[in-house]
Amino acid sequence: MSAHRSPLSARWLAAGGAAVLAAVLGVAMLLTNGGSACAAPPSTTQKTGKATFYDLAGTSGNCSLEVPADDLYVALGPSEYSEAASCGAYLDVTGPKGKVRVKVFDSCPECPAGHLDLSRTAFKKIGNEIDGIIPIKYKLVTNPATPAGISVRIKEGASQYWFAARIDNHANLLASVKVASGGGSFKSAHRTDYNYWLIDAGAGPGPFKIKITDVYGNTATVTGVKMSPGTVQKTSTRITGGSTTVATVEKATAPKAKTTTSAPAKTTKSAAPSTSATPAAALPESTTAPSAEPPAANQPLVDLAAAEQAPSSC
C-alpha cells in the first residue's frame, strides 16, 4: 500500500509494520538556523530501517529541486532531512531485491529516523510494490557522480536587496555558500528549510560569483551568475573529487514544463521544469584529497556514541 501526498500537505503512510530505528553512529551537525541538536543528515555508516513509497503531487519536493530524470529520489523524516541540510545528497539503499541510488529530494514530516519514503520507481527496484513496506539498509554516498554540472537558480522575487539562490548537482552535503557581486567581497548566505541560500540584506545587482564548499572541503566558484530569477544557470563543473574549480555561467534559459502521469488511480505526478543551457568549461586550479567526513563549516562535533548514554527528548 503506497503513500500519496503533496509536498506541502500531510502524507498518509502505508499501514502495518514497526519502524526499525538505526543506531546513530559517527558525528552530527548542530544546525545554527534554529535546528535541533538531534537533527543530522544520514552518514556514510550503513544503517538499517524500512522503506515505503509515494507518488509526487506537484512539480518538486521540499528541497525545491527538479525531479531527477531517472525518477530515483527519496523523502527523509525531519531528523535526517535536517532542515534541508541533506538536500541534493545521494543515498545507496539496499532492499530485498537489490540496491538503488536515490537523490534526497523531499521531506516526510511523519517519518522517524530510519524510515525512507522512496519514489515508486526507486521502491520497485529493490522491493515488491505490493508489499508496501520493506526492510532496508542505507548509507550516504561520498563523492557520487552527478548527471550534470553545478547549476544555480535565482529565486523569484530576488533583487539586489534580497538574494536567494538554489544550488544543485553539488553531490555531497554542503557546508557553506558565499556570494560576491561584481568586484565586491564575499558575503555568507544561510540555508532555508526549502533549500535556498539567502542573504537577507541582498548581495548587489550582480553578476555574481558564488563560492560553494562541501563538508569534505571541496570547493567550486561559479562566476557570471546573473540576477535572472526563475531560470536555471548551468555550468559543466563538478565539485566532487577533492578539487577546487572555477566555472563561468555562459547561458541560461527559462524552464519548460513537462508532465508525466503515474499509474491509474494514483496521484498525478508532474515533473519539474527542464532547461537547456550551454555548459561552461571547468578550469581546475588545484587538487586535494578529501578528509574524513567532517560536519559543516563552523559546526561543532557531537560524539553521539557518548550522547546516546544520556537521556534525550529526541
Protein backbone atom coordinates (compact mmCIF):
# COMPACT_ATOMS: atom_id res chain seq x y z
CA MET A 1 0.00 0.00 0.00
CA SER A 2 1.63 3.20 -1.09
CA ALA A 3 1.56 6.70 0.28
CA HIS A 4 0.38 9.75 -1.64
CA ARG A 5 0.99 13.35 -0.83
CA SER A 6 1.59 16.89 -1.91
CA PRO A 7 4.99 18.32 -0.90
CA LEU A 8 3.21 20.79 1.37
CA SER A 9 0.45 18.56 2.76
CA ALA A 10 0.33 15.63 5.16
CA ARG A 11 1.49 12.22 3.98
CA TRP A 12 -0.69 9.16 4.58
CA LEU A 13 1.79 6.38 5.25
CA ALA A 14 1.31 2.72 4.45
CA ALA A 15 -0.17 0.85 7.38
CA GLY A 16 1.42 -2.01 9.29
CA GLY A 17 4.94 -2.85 10.36
CA ALA A 18 7.05 -1.40 13.16
CA ALA A 19 9.73 1.16 12.50
CA VAL A 20 13.23 -0.23 12.74
CA LEU A 21 15.31 2.55 14.18
CA ALA A 22 19.02 2.63 13.39
CA ALA A 23 21.72 3.20 15.98
CA VAL A 24 23.15 6.61 15.21
CA LEU A 25 26.92 6.47 14.74
CA GLY A 26 29.62 8.99 13.86
CA VAL A 27 29.14 12.73 14.15
CA ALA A 28 26.18 15.06 13.78
CA MET A 29 25.93 18.65 12.65
CA LEU A 30 24.33 21.13 15.02
CA LEU A 31 22.25 23.45 12.89
CA THR A 32 22.66 27.14 13.51
CA ASN A 33 19.44 28.28 11.85
CA GLY A 34 17.05 27.20 14.58
CA GLY A 35 17.54 23.47 14.16
CA SER A 36 17.63 20.74 16.75
CA ALA A 37 20.86 19.26 18.05
CA CYS A 38 19.33 15.84 17.32
CA ALA A 39 18.89 16.57 13.63
CA ALA A 40 21.63 15.19 11.41
CA PRO A 41 21.81 14.04 7.80
CA PRO A 42 22.40 10.34 7.11
CA SER A 43 26.03 9.27 7.49
CA THR A 44 28.36 7.05 5.48
CA THR A 45 27.90 4.40 8.18
CA GLN A 46 25.33 1.89 6.98
CA LYS A 47 22.04 1.95 8.88
CA THR A 48 19.00 -0.31 8.89
CA GLY A 49 15.39 0.78 8.59
CA LYS A 50 12.31 0.47 6.42
CA ALA A 51 11.05 1.99 3.19
CA THR A 52 7.66 2.93 1.81
CA PHE A 53 6.89 4.77 -1.43
CA TYR A 54 4.78 7.67 -2.63
CA ASP A 55 3.75 9.46 -5.79
CA LEU A 56 4.73 13.09 -6.03
CA ALA A 57 1.81 15.52 -6.27
CA GLY A 58 3.23 18.71 -7.73
CA THR A 59 6.38 19.76 -9.51
CA SER A 60 9.02 19.44 -6.78
CA GLY A 61 9.64 18.31 -3.24
CA ASN A 62 10.58 20.41 -0.23
CA CYS A 63 14.19 20.61 -1.49
CA SER A 64 12.92 22.83 -4.36
CA LEU A 65 14.76 20.66 -6.89
CA GLU A 66 13.64 19.43 -10.30
CA VAL A 67 12.53 15.81 -10.37
CA PRO A 68 15.56 13.67 -11.32
CA ALA A 69 15.38 12.44 -14.91
CA ASP A 70 15.67 8.83 -13.70
CA ASP A 71 12.83 9.37 -11.16
CA LEU A 72 15.02 7.98 -8.37
CA TYR A 73 14.57 10.11 -5.26
CA VAL A 74 13.79 9.89 -1.54
CA ALA A 75 12.00 11.86 1.16
CA LEU A 76 13.51 11.88 4.65
CA GLY A 77 11.97 12.40 8.06
CA PRO A 78 12.62 15.66 9.97
CA SER A 79 15.72 14.48 11.83
CA GLU A 80 17.52 13.20 8.72
CA TYR A 81 16.15 15.89 6.40
CA SER A 82 17.84 18.17 8.92
CA GLU A 83 16.21 21.41 7.74
CA ALA A 84 17.38 20.83 4.15
CA ALA A 85 21.00 20.01 5.06
CA SER A 86 20.54 16.64 3.27
CA CYS A 87 19.06 18.10 0.08
CA GLY A 88 20.85 17.12 -3.11
CA ALA A 89 22.93 14.38 -1.49
CA TYR A 90 22.67 10.72 -2.53
CA LEU A 91 21.89 7.55 -0.59
CA ASP A 92 22.54 3.94 -1.54
CA VAL A 93 19.52 1.92 -0.40
CA THR A 94 19.52 -1.89 -0.34
CA GLY A 95 16.28 -3.87 -0.15
CA PRO A 96 15.12 -7.46 -0.71
CA LYS A 97 15.61 -7.25 -4.50
CA GLY A 98 18.84 -5.27 -4.74
CA LYS A 99 20.32 -1.76 -4.44
CA VAL A 100 19.31 1.64 -5.79
CA ARG A 101 20.91 5.08 -5.57
CA VAL A 102 18.48 7.90 -4.80
CA LYS A 103 18.75 11.68 -4.52
CA VAL A 104 17.49 13.44 -1.40
CA PHE A 105 14.63 15.44 -2.85
CA ASP A 106 11.90 15.86 -0.26
CA SER A 107 10.89 15.72 3.40
CA CYS A 108 8.49 13.31 5.08
CA PRO A 109 7.10 15.04 8.19
CA GLU A 110 5.68 11.81 9.64
CA CYS A 111 8.76 9.62 9.09
CA PRO A 112 11.02 8.79 12.06
CA ALA A 113 14.74 8.30 11.57
CA GLY A 114 15.33 5.12 9.57
CA HIS A 115 12.10 5.39 7.58
CA LEU A 116 12.76 6.36 3.97
CA ASP A 117 9.90 7.26 1.64
CA LEU A 118 11.07 6.42 -1.87
CA SER A 119 9.71 7.31 -5.26
CA ARG A 120 7.63 4.45 -6.65
CA THR A 121 10.28 3.87 -9.33
CA ALA A 122 13.05 3.51 -6.73
CA PHE A 123 10.95 1.27 -4.47
CA LYS A 124 10.19 -1.16 -7.30
CA LYS A 125 13.91 -1.60 -7.98
CA ILE A 126 14.55 -3.01 -4.51
CA GLY A 127 11.21 -4.48 -3.43
CA ASN A 128 7.80 -5.70 -4.48
CA GLU A 129 5.32 -2.86 -4.88
CA ILE A 130 2.52 -4.97 -3.38
CA ASP A 131 4.41 -5.23 -0.07
CA GLY A 132 4.14 -1.50 0.62
CA ILE A 133 6.80 -1.62 3.36
CA ILE A 134 10.18 -3.36 3.08
CA PRO A 135 13.25 -3.67 5.30
CA ILE A 136 16.29 -1.77 4.03
CA LYS A 137 19.88 -0.82 4.67
CA TYR A 138 21.09 2.60 3.57
CA LYS A 139 24.05 4.96 3.75
CA LEU A 140 25.22 8.34 2.46
CA VAL A 141 27.35 8.22 -0.71
CA THR A 142 30.66 10.09 -0.74
CA ASN A 143 31.58 11.91 -3.98
CA PRO A 144 28.77 10.42 -6.10
CA ALA A 145 28.60 11.04 -9.83
CA THR A 146 26.06 13.70 -10.82
CA PRO A 147 24.03 13.80 -14.04
CA ALA A 148 25.22 17.34 -14.81
CA GLY A 149 27.47 20.10 -13.53
CA ILE A 150 26.61 22.55 -10.79
CA SER A 151 23.62 24.74 -11.52
CA VAL A 152 22.26 27.87 -9.85
CA ARG A 153 18.66 29.08 -9.79
CA ILE A 154 17.90 32.58 -8.51
CA LYS A 155 14.55 32.59 -6.73
CA GLU A 156 11.55 34.55 -7.95
CA GLY A 157 11.34 37.85 -6.09
CA ALA A 158 15.10 38.14 -5.60
CA SER A 159 16.75 41.51 -6.26
CA GLN A 160 19.89 43.40 -5.38
CA TYR A 161 18.31 43.95 -1.97
CA TRP A 162 17.37 40.30 -1.22
CA PHE A 163 19.43 37.39 -2.54
CA ALA A 164 18.12 33.82 -2.78
CA ALA A 165 19.67 31.01 -4.84
CA ARG A 166 19.32 27.25 -5.07
CA ILE A 167 22.43 25.17 -5.77
CA ASP A 168 22.01 21.78 -7.46
CA ASN A 169 24.26 18.90 -8.59
CA HIS A 170 26.74 19.51 -5.77
CA ALA A 171 26.75 15.76 -4.90
CA ASN A 172 27.98 15.94 -1.29
CA LEU A 173 26.42 17.70 1.68
CA LEU A 174 27.10 21.42 1.51
CA ALA A 175 28.88 23.30 4.28
CA SER A 176 28.68 26.89 3.04
CA VAL A 177 27.73 29.19 0.18
CA LYS A 178 29.27 32.66 -0.23
CA VAL A 179 28.28 35.29 -2.78
CA ALA A 180 30.04 38.33 -4.24
CA SER A 181 28.59 40.84 -6.66
CA GLY A 182 30.88 42.29 -9.32
CA GLY A 183 34.25 43.01 -7.76
CA GLY A 184 32.86 43.12 -4.22
CA SER A 185 33.75 40.94 -1.26
CA PHE A 186 32.06 37.63 -0.45
CA LYS A 187 29.05 37.53 1.85
CA SER A 188 27.91 34.37 3.61
CA ALA A 189 24.46 33.01 2.79
CA HIS A 190 22.30 30.97 5.14
CA ARG A 191 20.23 27.97 4.09
CA THR A 192 16.45 27.78 4.45
CA ASP A 193 14.48 24.60 5.11
CA TYR A 194 13.29 24.73 1.49
CA ASN A 195 16.92 24.57 0.28
CA TYR A 196 17.53 28.12 -0.93
CA TRP A 197 20.57 30.06 0.25
CA LEU A 198 19.63 33.58 1.40
CA ILE A 199 21.35 36.86 2.08
CA ASP A 200 18.58 38.92 3.63
CA ALA A 201 20.22 42.29 3.01
CA GLY A 202 20.99 41.36 -0.60
CA ALA A 203 24.26 40.76 -2.43
CA GLY A 204 24.05 43.54 -5.00
CA PRO A 205 22.90 43.60 -8.64
CA GLY A 206 25.32 41.00 -9.97
CA PRO A 207 26.72 39.39 -11.96
CA PHE A 208 27.66 37.14 -9.06
CA LYS A 209 30.49 34.90 -8.03
CA ILE A 210 29.23 32.05 -5.86
CA LYS A 211 31.71 30.01 -3.81
CA ILE A 212 30.38 26.59 -2.82
CA THR A 213 32.08 24.40 -0.19
CA ASP A 214 31.03 20.88 0.77
CA VAL A 215 31.60 19.08 4.08
CA TYR A 216 34.81 17.47 2.76
CA GLY A 217 36.40 20.81 1.97
CA ASN A 218 35.90 20.57 -1.80
CA THR A 219 35.13 23.98 -3.29
CA ALA A 220 33.91 25.40 -6.58
CA THR A 221 33.41 29.02 -7.57
CA VAL A 222 30.77 29.75 -10.20
CA THR A 223 31.11 33.14 -11.91
CA GLY A 224 28.89 35.16 -14.22
CA VAL A 225 25.65 34.27 -12.45
CA LYS A 226 23.03 36.81 -13.50
CA MET A 227 20.20 38.30 -11.48
CA SER A 228 17.72 36.33 -13.56
CA PRO A 229 15.01 34.95 -11.24
CA GLY A 230 13.32 31.73 -12.28
CA THR A 231 15.99 30.47 -14.68
CA VAL A 232 18.46 27.64 -14.16
CA GLN A 233 22.01 28.73 -14.92
CA LYS A 234 24.25 25.76 -15.68
CA THR A 235 27.96 25.01 -15.71
CA SER A 236 29.95 21.89 -16.56
CA THR A 237 31.94 21.81 -13.34
CA ARG A 238 31.69 19.16 -10.64
CA ILE A 239 32.62 19.84 -7.05
CA THR A 240 33.45 16.24 -6.08
CA GLY A 241 36.82 14.55 -6.11
CA GLY A 242 38.71 16.93 -3.84
CA SER A 243 39.20 19.64 -6.45
CA THR A 244 38.94 23.39 -6.33
CA THR A 245 37.39 24.61 -9.57
CA VAL A 246 36.10 27.76 -11.20
CA ALA A 247 33.31 27.74 -13.78
CA THR A 248 31.58 30.50 -15.68
CA VAL A 249 27.89 30.55 -16.48
CA GLU A 250 27.60 31.31 -20.19
CA LYS A 251 23.91 30.93 -20.89
CA ALA A 252 20.67 30.27 -19.04
CA THR A 253 17.17 29.66 -20.31
CA ALA A 254 13.75 29.79 -18.74
CA PRO A 255 12.26 26.44 -17.68
CA LYS A 256 9.99 24.38 -19.92
CA ALA A 257 7.41 22.31 -18.05
CA LYS A 258 6.72 18.67 -18.71
CA THR A 259 4.15 16.34 -17.17
CA THR A 260 4.09 12.61 -16.57
CA THR A 261 1.28 10.58 -15.06
CA SER A 262 1.63 7.81 -12.53
CA ALA A 263 -0.30 4.52 -12.51
CA PRO A 264 -4.15 4.64 -12.71
CA ALA A 265 -5.98 5.76 -9.57
CA LYS A 266 -2.76 7.26 -8.19
CA THR A 267 -1.73 10.87 -7.70
CA THR A 268 -0.72 12.71 -10.86
CA LYS A 269 3.00 13.37 -10.82
CA SER A 270 4.24 16.41 -12.69
CA ALA A 271 7.91 16.51 -13.48
CA ALA A 272 9.68 19.76 -12.66
CA PRO A 273 10.89 22.24 -15.25
CA SER A 274 13.75 21.25 -17.51
CA THR A 275 16.11 23.72 -19.07
CA SER A 276 18.78 23.80 -21.70
CA ALA A 277 21.91 25.85 -21.48
CA THR A 278 25.36 25.88 -22.97
CA PRO A 279 27.66 24.44 -20.27
CA ALA A 280 30.75 26.36 -19.36
CA ALA A 281 34.23 24.92 -19.21
CA ALA A 282 35.53 23.92 -15.78
CA LEU A 283 39.03 25.18 -15.14
CA PRO A 284 40.77 23.08 -12.44
CA GLU A 285 43.05 25.07 -10.17
CA SER A 286 44.30 22.51 -7.69
CA THR A 287 43.54 19.11 -6.29
CA THR A 288 43.42 17.95 -2.69
CA ALA A 289 42.30 14.66 -1.22
CA PRO A 290 39.09 14.82 0.82
CA SER A 291 39.49 14.29 4.53
CA ALA A 292 37.38 12.09 6.76
CA GLU A 293 33.75 13.16 6.94
CA PRO A 294 33.53 16.39 8.98
CA PRO A 295 30.44 18.37 9.92
CA ALA A 296 29.52 21.58 8.13
CA ALA A 297 31.84 24.54 8.42
CA ASN A 298 31.82 26.24 11.82
CA GLN A 299 29.65 23.46 13.25
CA PRO A 300 30.69 21.66 16.48
CA LEU A 301 31.27 17.91 16.59
CA VAL A 302 28.93 15.77 18.66
CA ASP A 303 30.04 12.38 19.91
CA LEU A 304 26.74 10.52 19.57
CA ALA A 305 28.14 7.31 20.97
CA ALA A 306 28.50 9.16 24.28
CA ALA A 307 25.35 11.18 23.78
CA GLU A 308 23.22 8.05 23.42
CA GLN A 309 24.05 7.14 27.03
CA ALA A 310 22.48 10.35 28.28
CA PRO A 311 18.69 10.93 28.46
CA SER A 312 17.32 12.57 25.35
CA SER A 313 13.96 14.01 24.35
CA CYS A 314 14.65 13.36 20.66
